[in-house]
Amino acid sequence: MLNWRTLHRNKAFQYGVPMLLLIVGGSFGLREFTQIRYEEQKIRRRLDPSLVAKVDVKKQSVMLEEEYEKMKEINLDKWKNIRGPRPWEDSKEYQEQQRRNRTD
């Protein structure tokens, strides 16, 4: 029969059992912490009533139709493509130049 002294000298028992207890206990502890995390995310992610209409699929189709009607009203024949400033160009100076060219 094995007694405590022989088990205590055994390397597998001395290092293996605490390691297994740490892994199993850690998984239960992490489960509790992740549960708290996901509950907090649910609380924080509640949408404002104004944003619910944008997310709701049924209402979204109505919004798309409204946007389509707005696009019909826009005159695309007189549309002009305006180039934005490059990273090496001064944006304020470029904007002033674009304003002068538009008025000309």
N, C-alpha and C. Protein backbone atom coordinates (compact mmCIF):
# COMPACT_ATOMS: atom_id res chain seq x y z
N MET A 1 0.83 -1.18 0.00
CA MET A 1 0.00 0.00 0.00
C MET A 1 0.88 1.25 0.00
N LEU A 2 0.47 2.22 -0.80
CA LEU A 2 1.24 3.45 -0.89
C LEU A 2 0.92 4.34 0.30
N ASN A 3 1.94 4.88 0.87
CA ASN A 3 1.68 5.82 1.96
C ASN A 3 2.04 7.24 1.52
N TRP A 4 1.83 8.16 2.37
CA TRP A 4 1.98 9.58 2.04
C TRP A 4 3.42 9.91 1.65
N ARG A 5 4.39 9.29 2.30
CA ARG A 5 5.79 9.61 2.05
C ARG A 5 6.21 9.19 0.64
N THR A 6 5.76 8.05 0.20
CA THR A 6 6.13 7.61 -1.15
C THR A 6 5.42 8.45 -2.21
N LEU A 7 4.18 8.85 -1.94
CA LEU A 7 3.48 9.72 -2.88
C LEU A 7 4.12 11.10 -2.94
N HIS A 8 4.58 11.59 -1.79
CA HIS A 8 5.18 12.92 -1.74
C HIS A 8 6.51 12.94 -2.51
N ARG A 9 7.22 11.82 -2.55
CA ARG A 9 8.49 11.76 -3.27
C ARG A 9 8.29 11.59 -4.77
N ASN A 10 7.15 11.12 -5.17
CA ASN A 10 6.88 10.89 -6.59
C ASN A 10 6.78 12.23 -7.32
N LYS A 11 7.60 12.41 -8.37
CA LYS A 11 7.63 13.68 -9.10
C LYS A 11 6.31 13.96 -9.81
N ALA A 12 5.67 12.95 -10.37
CA ALA A 12 4.40 13.14 -11.06
C ALA A 12 3.33 13.63 -10.09
N PHE A 13 3.32 13.06 -8.91
CA PHE A 13 2.34 13.49 -7.91
C PHE A 13 2.69 14.87 -7.36
N GLN A 14 3.99 15.13 -7.17
CA GLN A 14 4.43 16.38 -6.57
C GLN A 14 4.18 17.57 -7.49
N TYR A 15 4.40 17.40 -8.79
CA TYR A 15 4.24 18.52 -9.73
C TYR A 15 3.00 18.39 -10.62
N GLY A 16 2.60 17.18 -10.92
CA GLY A 16 1.49 16.96 -11.84
C GLY A 16 0.13 17.30 -11.26
N VAL A 17 -0.13 16.87 -10.04
CA VAL A 17 -1.43 17.11 -9.41
C VAL A 17 -1.67 18.60 -9.17
N PRO A 18 -0.70 19.36 -8.63
CA PRO A 18 -0.95 20.80 -8.50
C PRO A 18 -1.16 21.49 -9.85
N MET A 19 -0.45 21.01 -10.87
CA MET A 19 -0.63 21.60 -12.20
C MET A 19 -2.04 21.33 -12.72
N LEU A 20 -2.53 20.12 -12.57
CA LEU A 20 -3.88 19.80 -13.01
C LEU A 20 -4.92 20.58 -12.21
N LEU A 21 -4.71 20.72 -10.91
CA LEU A 21 -5.63 21.51 -10.09
C LEU A 21 -5.64 22.97 -10.53
N LEU A 22 -4.48 23.50 -10.87
CA LEU A 22 -4.38 24.88 -11.34
C LEU A 22 -5.11 25.06 -12.67
N ILE A 23 -4.96 24.12 -13.58
CA ILE A 23 -5.62 24.21 -14.88
C ILE A 23 -7.13 24.12 -14.73
N VAL A 24 -7.60 23.13 -13.99
CA VAL A 24 -9.05 22.95 -13.82
C VAL A 24 -9.65 24.11 -13.04
N GLY A 25 -9.00 24.51 -11.95
CA GLY A 25 -9.50 25.64 -11.16
C GLY A 25 -9.46 26.94 -11.95
N GLY A 26 -8.42 27.13 -12.76
CA GLY A 26 -8.33 28.33 -13.58
C GLY A 26 -9.41 28.40 -14.62
N SER A 27 -9.77 27.26 -15.19
CA SER A 27 -10.83 27.29 -16.20
C SER A 27 -12.17 27.68 -15.59
N PHE A 28 -12.44 27.20 -14.38
CA PHE A 28 -13.68 27.61 -13.71
C PHE A 28 -13.65 29.09 -13.35
N GLY A 29 -12.51 29.57 -12.89
CA GLY A 29 -12.38 30.99 -12.56
C GLY A 29 -12.52 31.88 -13.79
N LEU A 30 -11.90 31.49 -14.89
CA LEU A 30 -12.00 32.27 -16.12
C LEU A 30 -13.42 32.28 -16.66
N ARG A 31 -14.13 31.19 -16.47
CA ARG A 31 -15.51 31.14 -16.92
C ARG A 31 -16.34 32.20 -16.22
N GLU A 32 -16.12 32.38 -14.93
CA GLU A 32 -16.87 33.39 -14.18
C GLU A 32 -16.51 34.80 -14.65
N PHE A 33 -15.23 35.06 -14.88
CA PHE A 33 -14.82 36.39 -15.33
C PHE A 33 -15.34 36.69 -16.73
N THR A 34 -15.32 35.71 -17.62
CA THR A 34 -15.83 35.96 -18.97
C THR A 34 -17.34 36.15 -18.95
N GLN A 35 -18.03 35.48 -18.06
CA GLN A 35 -19.47 35.67 -17.95
C GLN A 35 -19.78 37.11 -17.55
N ILE A 36 -19.02 37.65 -16.61
CA ILE A 36 -19.19 39.05 -16.20
C ILE A 36 -18.91 39.97 -17.38
N ARG A 37 -17.88 39.66 -18.14
CA ARG A 37 -17.51 40.47 -19.30
C ARG A 37 -18.64 40.53 -20.32
N TYR A 38 -19.21 39.39 -20.65
CA TYR A 38 -20.27 39.36 -21.66
C TYR A 38 -21.55 40.02 -21.16
N GLU A 39 -21.84 39.91 -19.89
CA GLU A 39 -23.01 40.60 -19.34
C GLU A 39 -22.83 42.11 -19.42
N GLU A 40 -21.63 42.61 -19.15
CA GLU A 40 -21.35 44.04 -19.26
C GLU A 40 -21.49 44.50 -20.71
N GLN A 41 -21.03 43.70 -21.65
CA GLN A 41 -21.14 44.07 -23.07
C GLN A 41 -22.59 44.17 -23.49
N LYS A 42 -23.43 43.28 -23.00
CA LYS A 42 -24.85 43.33 -23.34
C LYS A 42 -25.48 44.62 -22.83
N ILE A 43 -25.10 45.03 -21.63
CA ILE A 43 -25.65 46.25 -21.06
C ILE A 43 -25.18 47.47 -21.84
N ARG A 44 -23.91 47.51 -22.19
CA ARG A 44 -23.35 48.67 -22.89
C ARG A 44 -23.81 48.77 -24.33
N ARG A 45 -24.15 47.67 -24.95
CA ARG A 45 -24.49 47.67 -26.37
C ARG A 45 -25.96 47.92 -26.65
N ARG A 46 -26.73 48.25 -25.66
CA ARG A 46 -28.13 48.57 -25.92
C ARG A 46 -28.18 49.83 -26.76
N LEU A 47 -28.95 49.79 -27.81
CA LEU A 47 -28.99 50.90 -28.75
C LEU A 47 -29.96 51.98 -28.33
N ASP A 48 -29.66 53.19 -28.76
CA ASP A 48 -30.59 54.29 -28.57
C ASP A 48 -31.79 54.07 -29.48
N PRO A 49 -32.95 54.57 -29.11
CA PRO A 49 -34.12 54.42 -29.98
C PRO A 49 -33.92 55.03 -31.36
N SER A 50 -33.10 56.08 -31.45
CA SER A 50 -32.86 56.69 -32.76
C SER A 50 -32.03 55.78 -33.66
N LEU A 51 -31.18 54.95 -33.06
CA LEU A 51 -30.34 54.05 -33.85
C LEU A 51 -31.04 52.74 -34.17
N VAL A 52 -32.08 52.41 -33.44
CA VAL A 52 -32.79 51.15 -33.67
C VAL A 52 -33.39 51.13 -35.07
N ALA A 53 -33.90 52.26 -35.54
CA ALA A 53 -34.50 52.32 -36.88
C ALA A 53 -33.46 52.03 -37.96
N LYS A 54 -32.23 52.44 -37.73
CA LYS A 54 -31.18 52.19 -38.72
C LYS A 54 -30.76 50.73 -38.75
N VAL A 55 -30.92 50.04 -37.64
CA VAL A 55 -30.51 48.64 -37.56
C VAL A 55 -31.64 47.70 -37.95
N ASP A 56 -32.87 48.08 -37.67
CA ASP A 56 -34.02 47.23 -37.93
C ASP A 56 -34.19 47.02 -39.43
N VAL A 57 -34.27 45.77 -39.86
CA VAL A 57 -34.33 45.43 -41.29
C VAL A 57 -35.63 45.91 -41.92
N LYS A 58 -36.74 45.79 -41.24
CA LYS A 58 -38.02 46.20 -41.81
C LYS A 58 -38.05 47.70 -42.06
N LYS A 59 -37.55 48.47 -41.13
CA LYS A 59 -37.54 49.91 -41.30
C LYS A 59 -36.44 50.35 -42.26
N GLN A 60 -35.42 49.54 -42.40
CA GLN A 60 -34.29 49.90 -43.26
C GLN A 60 -34.72 49.94 -44.73
N SER A 61 -35.61 49.07 -45.16
CA SER A 61 -36.06 49.10 -46.55
C SER A 61 -36.79 50.40 -46.85
N VAL A 62 -37.54 50.91 -45.88
CA VAL A 62 -38.23 52.18 -46.05
C VAL A 62 -37.21 53.30 -46.18
N MET A 63 -36.16 53.24 -45.38
CA MET A 63 -35.13 54.26 -45.44
C MET A 63 -34.40 54.23 -46.78
N LEU A 64 -34.20 53.04 -47.33
CA LEU A 64 -33.54 52.93 -48.63
C LEU A 64 -34.38 53.57 -49.72
N GLU A 65 -35.68 53.38 -49.64
CA GLU A 65 -36.57 53.99 -50.62
C GLU A 65 -36.52 55.51 -50.52
N GLU A 66 -36.47 56.03 -49.30
CA GLU A 66 -36.36 57.48 -49.11
C GLU A 66 -35.06 58.00 -49.70
N GLU A 67 -33.98 57.28 -49.50
CA GLU A 67 -32.69 57.70 -50.05
C GLU A 67 -32.71 57.64 -51.58
N TYR A 68 -33.40 56.65 -52.13
CA TYR A 68 -33.51 56.55 -53.58
C TYR A 68 -34.26 57.75 -54.15
N GLU A 69 -35.31 58.17 -53.45
CA GLU A 69 -36.06 59.35 -53.89
C GLU A 69 -35.19 60.60 -53.83
N LYS A 70 -34.38 60.72 -52.82
CA LYS A 70 -33.46 61.86 -52.72
C LYS A 70 -32.46 61.85 -53.87
N MET A 71 -31.97 60.67 -54.22
CA MET A 71 -31.00 60.55 -55.31
C MET A 71 -31.63 60.92 -56.65
N LYS A 72 -32.91 60.65 -56.82
CA LYS A 72 -33.60 61.02 -58.06
C LYS A 72 -33.64 62.53 -58.23
N GLU A 73 -33.81 63.26 -57.12
CA GLU A 73 -33.93 64.71 -57.18
C GLU A 73 -32.61 65.41 -57.49
N ILE A 74 -31.49 64.77 -57.21
CA ILE A 74 -30.19 65.39 -57.42
C ILE A 74 -29.87 65.41 -58.91
N ASN A 75 -29.37 66.55 -59.37
CA ASN A 75 -29.00 66.71 -60.77
C ASN A 75 -27.54 66.26 -60.93
N LEU A 76 -27.34 65.11 -61.54
CA LEU A 76 -26.00 64.57 -61.71
C LEU A 76 -25.33 65.03 -63.00
N ASP A 77 -26.05 65.73 -63.86
CA ASP A 77 -25.46 66.20 -65.10
C ASP A 77 -24.46 67.33 -64.86
N LYS A 78 -24.67 68.13 -63.85
CA LYS A 78 -23.78 69.25 -63.56
C LYS A 78 -22.76 68.91 -62.47
N TRP A 79 -22.58 67.66 -62.22
CA TRP A 79 -21.66 67.21 -61.18
C TRP A 79 -20.23 67.43 -61.63
N LYS A 80 -19.37 67.85 -60.71
CA LYS A 80 -17.97 68.10 -61.04
C LYS A 80 -17.10 67.40 -60.01
N ASN A 81 -16.12 66.67 -60.48
CA ASN A 81 -15.21 65.96 -59.59
C ASN A 81 -14.12 66.92 -59.12
N ILE A 82 -13.97 67.08 -57.82
CA ILE A 82 -12.97 67.97 -57.27
C ILE A 82 -11.94 67.12 -56.54
N ARG A 83 -10.69 67.28 -56.94
CA ARG A 83 -9.61 66.50 -56.35
C ARG A 83 -9.27 67.04 -54.97
N GLY A 84 -9.05 66.15 -54.03
CA GLY A 84 -8.66 66.54 -52.68
C GLY A 84 -7.16 66.76 -52.60
N PRO A 85 -6.69 67.36 -51.51
CA PRO A 85 -5.26 67.63 -51.39
C PRO A 85 -4.46 66.35 -51.18
N ARG A 86 -3.26 66.35 -51.68
CA ARG A 86 -2.35 65.23 -51.49
C ARG A 86 -1.69 65.38 -50.12
N PRO A 87 -1.12 64.29 -49.59
CA PRO A 87 -0.50 64.38 -48.25
C PRO A 87 0.61 65.43 -48.17
N TRP A 88 1.32 65.67 -49.25
CA TRP A 88 2.42 66.63 -49.22
C TRP A 88 1.98 68.06 -49.49
N GLU A 89 0.72 68.25 -49.85
CA GLU A 89 0.20 69.58 -50.12
C GLU A 89 -0.45 70.17 -48.86
N ASP A 90 -0.39 71.50 -48.74
CA ASP A 90 -1.05 72.18 -47.63
C ASP A 90 -2.55 72.21 -47.92
N SER A 91 -3.34 71.63 -47.04
CA SER A 91 -4.77 71.49 -47.32
C SER A 91 -5.49 72.83 -47.33
N LYS A 92 -5.13 73.76 -46.45
CA LYS A 92 -5.81 75.06 -46.42
C LYS A 92 -5.51 75.85 -47.69
N GLU A 93 -4.28 75.80 -48.10
CA GLU A 93 -3.90 76.51 -49.33
C GLU A 93 -4.60 75.91 -50.54
N TYR A 94 -4.71 74.60 -50.56
CA TYR A 94 -5.37 73.92 -51.67
C TYR A 94 -6.87 74.22 -51.69
N GLN A 95 -7.48 74.29 -50.51
CA GLN A 95 -8.90 74.61 -50.44
C GLN A 95 -9.17 76.02 -50.95
N GLU A 96 -8.30 76.95 -50.61
CA GLU A 96 -8.46 78.32 -51.11
C GLU A 96 -8.34 78.35 -52.63
N GLN A 97 -7.42 77.59 -53.17
CA GLN A 97 -7.25 77.53 -54.62
C GLN A 97 -8.50 76.94 -55.28
N GLN A 98 -9.07 75.91 -54.68
CA GLN A 98 -10.28 75.29 -55.23
C GLN A 98 -11.45 76.27 -55.19
N ARG A 99 -11.56 77.04 -54.11
CA ARG A 99 -12.64 78.03 -54.02
C ARG A 99 -12.49 79.10 -55.09
N ARG A 100 -11.26 79.54 -55.33
CA ARG A 100 -11.03 80.55 -56.37
C ARG A 100 -11.37 79.99 -57.75
N ASN A 101 -11.02 78.75 -58.01
CA ASN A 101 -11.30 78.13 -59.31
C ASN A 101 -12.79 77.91 -59.51
N ARG A 102 -13.52 77.64 -58.45
CA ARG A 102 -14.95 77.41 -58.55
C ARG A 102 -15.70 78.69 -58.89
N THR A 103 -15.24 79.80 -58.36
CA THR A 103 -15.92 81.07 -58.64
C THR A 103 -15.59 81.59 -60.03
N ASP A 104 -14.46 81.17 -60.59
CA ASP A 104 -14.07 81.63 -61.94
C ASP A 104 -14.91 81.04 -63.03
